[in-house]
Amino acid sequence: MIEIYQAIKAINPNAEFKYTDNDYNTIEWLNDTTPISVDNIKAKQTELENDYDAKAYQRNRALEYKTIAEQLDMQYWDAVNGTTTWQDHINAIKTKYPKPE
């Protein structure tokens, strides 16, 4: 879940504020920071959460790809042996975790 501070900083990276217990009603704007409405903060949280969810395939792929060194070794041996081990590895992961349309 995207926290209040993440949404605020996405809207205004220079915002200075404090709050308690993840409660919108306790937000206090500091050092002349222009207040951001709760509705705008909630909308930004939803936007950031949707973006995070849409990139799940990237996180899942990253966990399964072999290291760069291992992939380079696969590519070397594929070139030497005329095989497609590296392409097969990448394609299997991309098929397992397709990019959303």
N, C-alpha and C. Protein backbone atom coordinates (compact mmCIF):
# COMPACT_ATOMS: atom_id res chain seq x y z
N MET A 1 0.84 -1.18 0.00
CA MET A 1 0.00 0.00 0.00
C MET A 1 0.88 1.24 0.00
N ILE A 2 0.49 2.19 -0.78
CA ILE A 2 1.22 3.45 -0.86
C ILE A 2 0.86 4.30 0.35
N GLU A 3 1.86 4.78 1.05
CA GLU A 3 1.65 5.57 2.26
C GLU A 3 1.35 7.02 1.92
N ILE A 4 0.81 7.72 2.89
CA ILE A 4 0.48 9.14 2.72
C ILE A 4 1.71 9.93 2.29
N TYR A 5 2.84 9.70 2.95
CA TYR A 5 4.02 10.50 2.64
C TYR A 5 4.49 10.27 1.20
N GLN A 6 4.32 9.04 0.69
CA GLN A 6 4.74 8.76 -0.68
C GLN A 6 3.89 9.55 -1.68
N ALA A 7 2.60 9.61 -1.42
CA ALA A 7 1.70 10.36 -2.30
C ALA A 7 2.01 11.85 -2.24
N ILE A 8 2.21 12.36 -1.05
CA ILE A 8 2.51 13.79 -0.90
C ILE A 8 3.81 14.13 -1.62
N LYS A 9 4.84 13.32 -1.42
CA LYS A 9 6.14 13.59 -2.05
C LYS A 9 6.07 13.43 -3.57
N ALA A 10 5.17 12.58 -4.06
CA ALA A 10 4.99 12.45 -5.51
C ALA A 10 4.34 13.70 -6.08
N ILE A 11 3.48 14.32 -5.31
CA ILE A 11 2.82 15.55 -5.74
C ILE A 11 3.76 16.74 -5.61
N ASN A 12 4.42 16.82 -4.46
CA ASN A 12 5.33 17.94 -4.19
C ASN A 12 6.56 17.41 -3.47
N PRO A 13 7.63 17.15 -4.20
CA PRO A 13 8.84 16.59 -3.59
C PRO A 13 9.44 17.47 -2.48
N ASN A 14 9.12 18.76 -2.49
CA ASN A 14 9.68 19.67 -1.49
C ASN A 14 8.76 19.89 -0.30
N ALA A 15 7.63 19.22 -0.29
CA ALA A 15 6.66 19.42 0.81
C ALA A 15 7.28 19.04 2.14
N GLU A 16 6.95 19.85 3.14
CA GLU A 16 7.35 19.55 4.52
C GLU A 16 6.08 19.41 5.33
N PHE A 17 5.98 18.32 6.07
CA PHE A 17 4.74 18.01 6.77
C PHE A 17 5.00 16.95 7.83
N LYS A 18 4.01 16.76 8.65
CA LYS A 18 4.05 15.65 9.60
C LYS A 18 2.61 15.17 9.79
N TYR A 19 2.48 13.93 10.23
CA TYR A 19 1.17 13.36 10.51
C TYR A 19 1.38 12.17 11.43
N THR A 20 0.30 11.66 12.00
CA THR A 20 0.41 10.52 12.90
C THR A 20 -0.57 9.43 12.50
N ASP A 21 -0.16 8.21 12.77
CA ASP A 21 -1.01 7.03 12.61
C ASP A 21 -1.64 6.90 11.23
N ASN A 22 -0.94 7.33 10.19
CA ASN A 22 -1.45 7.24 8.82
C ASN A 22 -2.85 7.84 8.69
N ASP A 23 -3.07 8.92 9.42
CA ASP A 23 -4.38 9.58 9.47
C ASP A 23 -4.32 10.90 8.71
N TYR A 24 -5.12 10.99 7.66
CA TYR A 24 -5.15 12.20 6.83
C TYR A 24 -5.51 13.44 7.65
N ASN A 25 -6.34 13.26 8.66
CA ASN A 25 -6.82 14.39 9.45
C ASN A 25 -5.75 14.97 10.37
N THR A 26 -4.62 14.30 10.47
CA THR A 26 -3.55 14.80 11.34
C THR A 26 -2.43 15.47 10.56
N ILE A 27 -2.57 15.58 9.24
CA ILE A 27 -1.50 16.18 8.45
C ILE A 27 -1.35 17.64 8.84
N GLU A 28 -0.11 17.99 9.15
CA GLU A 28 0.23 19.38 9.48
C GLU A 28 1.29 19.83 8.48
N TRP A 29 1.00 20.90 7.77
CA TRP A 29 1.91 21.43 6.75
C TRP A 29 2.92 22.36 7.41
N LEU A 30 4.18 22.16 7.14
CA LEU A 30 5.25 22.90 7.82
C LEU A 30 5.97 23.85 6.85
N ASN A 31 6.56 24.87 7.43
CA ASN A 31 7.44 25.80 6.70
C ASN A 31 6.81 26.34 5.41
N ASP A 32 5.60 26.82 5.55
CA ASP A 32 4.88 27.46 4.43
C ASP A 32 4.63 26.53 3.24
N THR A 33 4.61 25.22 3.47
CA THR A 33 4.25 24.30 2.39
C THR A 33 2.79 24.49 2.05
N THR A 34 2.50 24.64 0.78
CA THR A 34 1.12 24.78 0.32
C THR A 34 0.38 23.48 0.60
N PRO A 35 -0.71 23.54 1.33
CA PRO A 35 -1.46 22.31 1.64
C PRO A 35 -1.97 21.61 0.38
N ILE A 36 -2.02 20.30 0.46
CA ILE A 36 -2.58 19.46 -0.60
C ILE A 36 -3.84 18.83 -0.04
N SER A 37 -4.91 18.88 -0.81
CA SER A 37 -6.19 18.35 -0.31
C SER A 37 -6.10 16.84 -0.10
N VAL A 38 -6.88 16.35 0.84
CA VAL A 38 -6.94 14.92 1.12
C VAL A 38 -7.38 14.17 -0.14
N ASP A 39 -8.33 14.73 -0.88
CA ASP A 39 -8.79 14.08 -2.11
C ASP A 39 -7.65 13.92 -3.11
N ASN A 40 -6.82 14.95 -3.23
CA ASN A 40 -5.67 14.86 -4.15
C ASN A 40 -4.65 13.84 -3.67
N ILE A 41 -4.45 13.78 -2.36
CA ILE A 41 -3.51 12.80 -1.81
C ILE A 41 -4.03 11.38 -2.06
N LYS A 42 -5.31 11.16 -1.82
CA LYS A 42 -5.89 9.83 -2.04
C LYS A 42 -5.85 9.45 -3.52
N ALA A 43 -6.12 10.41 -4.39
CA ALA A 43 -6.07 10.15 -5.83
C ALA A 43 -4.66 9.76 -6.25
N LYS A 44 -3.66 10.45 -5.71
CA LYS A 44 -2.27 10.13 -6.04
C LYS A 44 -1.90 8.75 -5.50
N GLN A 45 -2.39 8.40 -4.31
CA GLN A 45 -2.13 7.07 -3.77
C GLN A 45 -2.70 6.00 -4.71
N THR A 46 -3.90 6.20 -5.18
CA THR A 46 -4.53 5.24 -6.10
C THR A 46 -3.73 5.14 -7.38
N GLU A 47 -3.30 6.28 -7.91
CA GLU A 47 -2.50 6.29 -9.14
C GLU A 47 -1.19 5.52 -8.94
N LEU A 48 -0.51 5.78 -7.83
CA LEU A 48 0.75 5.10 -7.55
C LEU A 48 0.55 3.61 -7.33
N GLU A 49 -0.53 3.22 -6.66
CA GLU A 49 -0.82 1.81 -6.43
C GLU A 49 -1.12 1.11 -7.75
N ASN A 50 -1.87 1.75 -8.62
CA ASN A 50 -2.18 1.17 -9.93
C ASN A 50 -0.90 0.98 -10.74
N ASP A 51 -0.02 1.97 -10.69
CA ASP A 51 1.25 1.88 -11.40
C ASP A 51 2.10 0.74 -10.84
N TYR A 52 2.14 0.62 -9.52
CA TYR A 52 2.90 -0.46 -8.87
C TYR A 52 2.34 -1.82 -9.29
N ASP A 53 1.03 -1.97 -9.25
CA ASP A 53 0.39 -3.23 -9.62
C ASP A 53 0.64 -3.58 -11.08
N ALA A 54 0.63 -2.57 -11.95
CA ALA A 54 0.83 -2.81 -13.37
C ALA A 54 2.24 -3.29 -13.68
N LYS A 55 3.17 -3.06 -12.77
CA LYS A 55 4.56 -3.46 -12.99
C LYS A 55 4.95 -4.75 -12.26
N ALA A 56 3.95 -5.48 -11.79
CA ALA A 56 4.22 -6.75 -11.10
C ALA A 56 5.00 -7.70 -12.00
N TYR A 57 4.67 -7.71 -13.28
CA TYR A 57 5.37 -8.61 -14.21
C TYR A 57 6.87 -8.32 -14.22
N GLN A 58 7.26 -7.04 -14.11
CA GLN A 58 8.68 -6.68 -14.11
C GLN A 58 9.38 -7.24 -12.87
N ARG A 59 8.72 -7.09 -11.73
CA ARG A 59 9.32 -7.59 -10.49
C ARG A 59 9.43 -9.12 -10.52
N ASN A 60 8.40 -9.78 -11.05
CA ASN A 60 8.44 -11.24 -11.13
C ASN A 60 9.52 -11.72 -12.09
N ARG A 61 9.65 -11.05 -13.23
CA ARG A 61 10.69 -11.42 -14.18
C ARG A 61 12.07 -11.26 -13.55
N ALA A 62 12.28 -10.14 -12.88
CA ALA A 62 13.59 -9.85 -12.29
C ALA A 62 14.02 -10.94 -11.31
N LEU A 63 13.07 -11.52 -10.61
CA LEU A 63 13.38 -12.58 -9.66
C LEU A 63 13.83 -13.87 -10.35
N GLU A 64 13.39 -14.07 -11.57
CA GLU A 64 13.68 -15.33 -12.26
C GLU A 64 14.80 -15.26 -13.28
N TYR A 65 15.11 -14.07 -13.76
CA TYR A 65 16.22 -13.97 -14.71
C TYR A 65 17.52 -14.38 -14.02
N LYS A 66 18.34 -15.06 -14.77
CA LYS A 66 19.67 -15.39 -14.24
C LYS A 66 20.49 -14.10 -14.19
N THR A 67 21.58 -14.13 -13.47
CA THR A 67 22.42 -12.94 -13.37
C THR A 67 22.96 -12.57 -14.75
N ILE A 68 23.41 -11.34 -14.88
CA ILE A 68 23.99 -10.88 -16.14
C ILE A 68 25.19 -11.76 -16.51
N ALA A 69 26.01 -12.10 -15.55
CA ALA A 69 27.18 -12.95 -15.84
C ALA A 69 26.72 -14.30 -16.39
N GLU A 70 25.70 -14.88 -15.79
CA GLU A 70 25.19 -16.17 -16.27
C GLU A 70 24.59 -16.04 -17.67
N GLN A 71 23.90 -14.93 -17.91
CA GLN A 71 23.31 -14.73 -19.23
C GLN A 71 24.40 -14.54 -20.29
N LEU A 72 25.45 -13.81 -19.96
CA LEU A 72 26.55 -13.64 -20.90
C LEU A 72 27.22 -14.97 -21.22
N ASP A 73 27.35 -15.80 -20.19
CA ASP A 73 27.94 -17.12 -20.40
C ASP A 73 27.04 -17.96 -21.32
N MET A 74 25.72 -17.87 -21.10
CA MET A 74 24.79 -18.59 -21.97
C MET A 74 24.94 -18.11 -23.41
N GLN A 75 25.04 -16.80 -23.59
CA GLN A 75 25.17 -16.24 -24.94
C GLN A 75 26.47 -16.71 -25.61
N TYR A 76 27.54 -16.74 -24.84
CA TYR A 76 28.81 -17.21 -25.38
C TYR A 76 28.69 -18.65 -25.87
N TRP A 77 28.17 -19.50 -25.00
CA TRP A 77 28.07 -20.92 -25.37
C TRP A 77 27.05 -21.15 -26.48
N ASP A 78 26.01 -20.32 -26.53
CA ASP A 78 25.08 -20.41 -27.65
C ASP A 78 25.79 -20.10 -28.97
N ALA A 79 26.66 -19.09 -28.95
CA ALA A 79 27.40 -18.72 -30.16
C ALA A 79 28.37 -19.84 -30.56
N VAL A 80 29.02 -20.43 -29.58
CA VAL A 80 29.98 -21.50 -29.84
C VAL A 80 29.27 -22.76 -30.35
N ASN A 81 28.14 -23.09 -29.71
CA ASN A 81 27.47 -24.35 -30.00
C ASN A 81 26.30 -24.25 -30.97
N GLY A 82 25.96 -23.03 -31.37
CA GLY A 82 24.81 -22.86 -32.27
C GLY A 82 23.49 -23.19 -31.61
N THR A 83 23.41 -22.96 -30.30
CA THR A 83 22.19 -23.25 -29.54
C THR A 83 21.43 -21.96 -29.22
N THR A 84 20.28 -22.10 -28.57
CA THR A 84 19.44 -20.95 -28.21
C THR A 84 19.07 -20.97 -26.73
N THR A 85 19.99 -21.42 -25.90
CA THR A 85 19.72 -21.55 -24.46
C THR A 85 19.32 -20.22 -23.85
N TRP A 86 20.07 -19.17 -24.17
CA TRP A 86 19.76 -17.85 -23.60
C TRP A 86 18.40 -17.36 -24.06
N GLN A 87 18.12 -17.42 -25.36
CA GLN A 87 16.82 -16.99 -25.87
C GLN A 87 15.69 -17.80 -25.26
N ASP A 88 15.91 -19.09 -25.10
CA ASP A 88 14.89 -19.95 -24.50
C ASP A 88 14.62 -19.54 -23.05
N HIS A 89 15.68 -19.22 -22.32
CA HIS A 89 15.55 -18.78 -20.93
C HIS A 89 14.73 -17.50 -20.84
N ILE A 90 15.08 -16.52 -21.66
CA ILE A 90 14.38 -15.23 -21.64
C ILE A 90 12.93 -15.40 -22.08
N ASN A 91 12.71 -16.12 -23.17
CA ASN A 91 11.35 -16.32 -23.68
C ASN A 91 10.46 -17.05 -22.67
N ALA A 92 11.00 -18.02 -21.95
CA ALA A 92 10.21 -18.75 -20.96
C ALA A 92 9.71 -17.81 -19.86
N ILE A 93 10.57 -16.91 -19.42
CA ILE A 93 10.18 -15.98 -18.36
C ILE A 93 9.20 -14.94 -18.89
N LYS A 94 9.45 -14.43 -20.08
CA LYS A 94 8.54 -13.45 -20.67
C LYS A 94 7.17 -14.07 -20.93
N THR A 95 7.12 -15.34 -21.27
CA THR A 95 5.85 -16.04 -21.48
C THR A 95 5.14 -16.26 -20.15
N LYS A 96 5.91 -16.62 -19.13
CA LYS A 96 5.33 -16.86 -17.80
C LYS A 96 4.77 -15.57 -17.20
N TYR A 97 5.44 -14.46 -17.42
CA TYR A 97 5.03 -13.17 -16.88
C TYR A 97 4.89 -12.16 -18.02
N PRO A 98 3.80 -12.25 -18.78
CA PRO A 98 3.66 -11.34 -19.93
C PRO A 98 3.42 -9.90 -19.51
N LYS A 99 3.86 -9.00 -20.36
CA LYS A 99 3.63 -7.58 -20.15
C LYS A 99 2.16 -7.30 -20.43
N PRO A 100 1.47 -6.63 -19.52
CA PRO A 100 0.05 -6.33 -19.76
C PRO A 100 -0.10 -5.41 -20.97
N GLU A 101 -1.19 -5.57 -21.65
CA GLU A 101 -1.47 -4.72 -22.82
C GLU A 101 -1.93 -3.36 -22.40
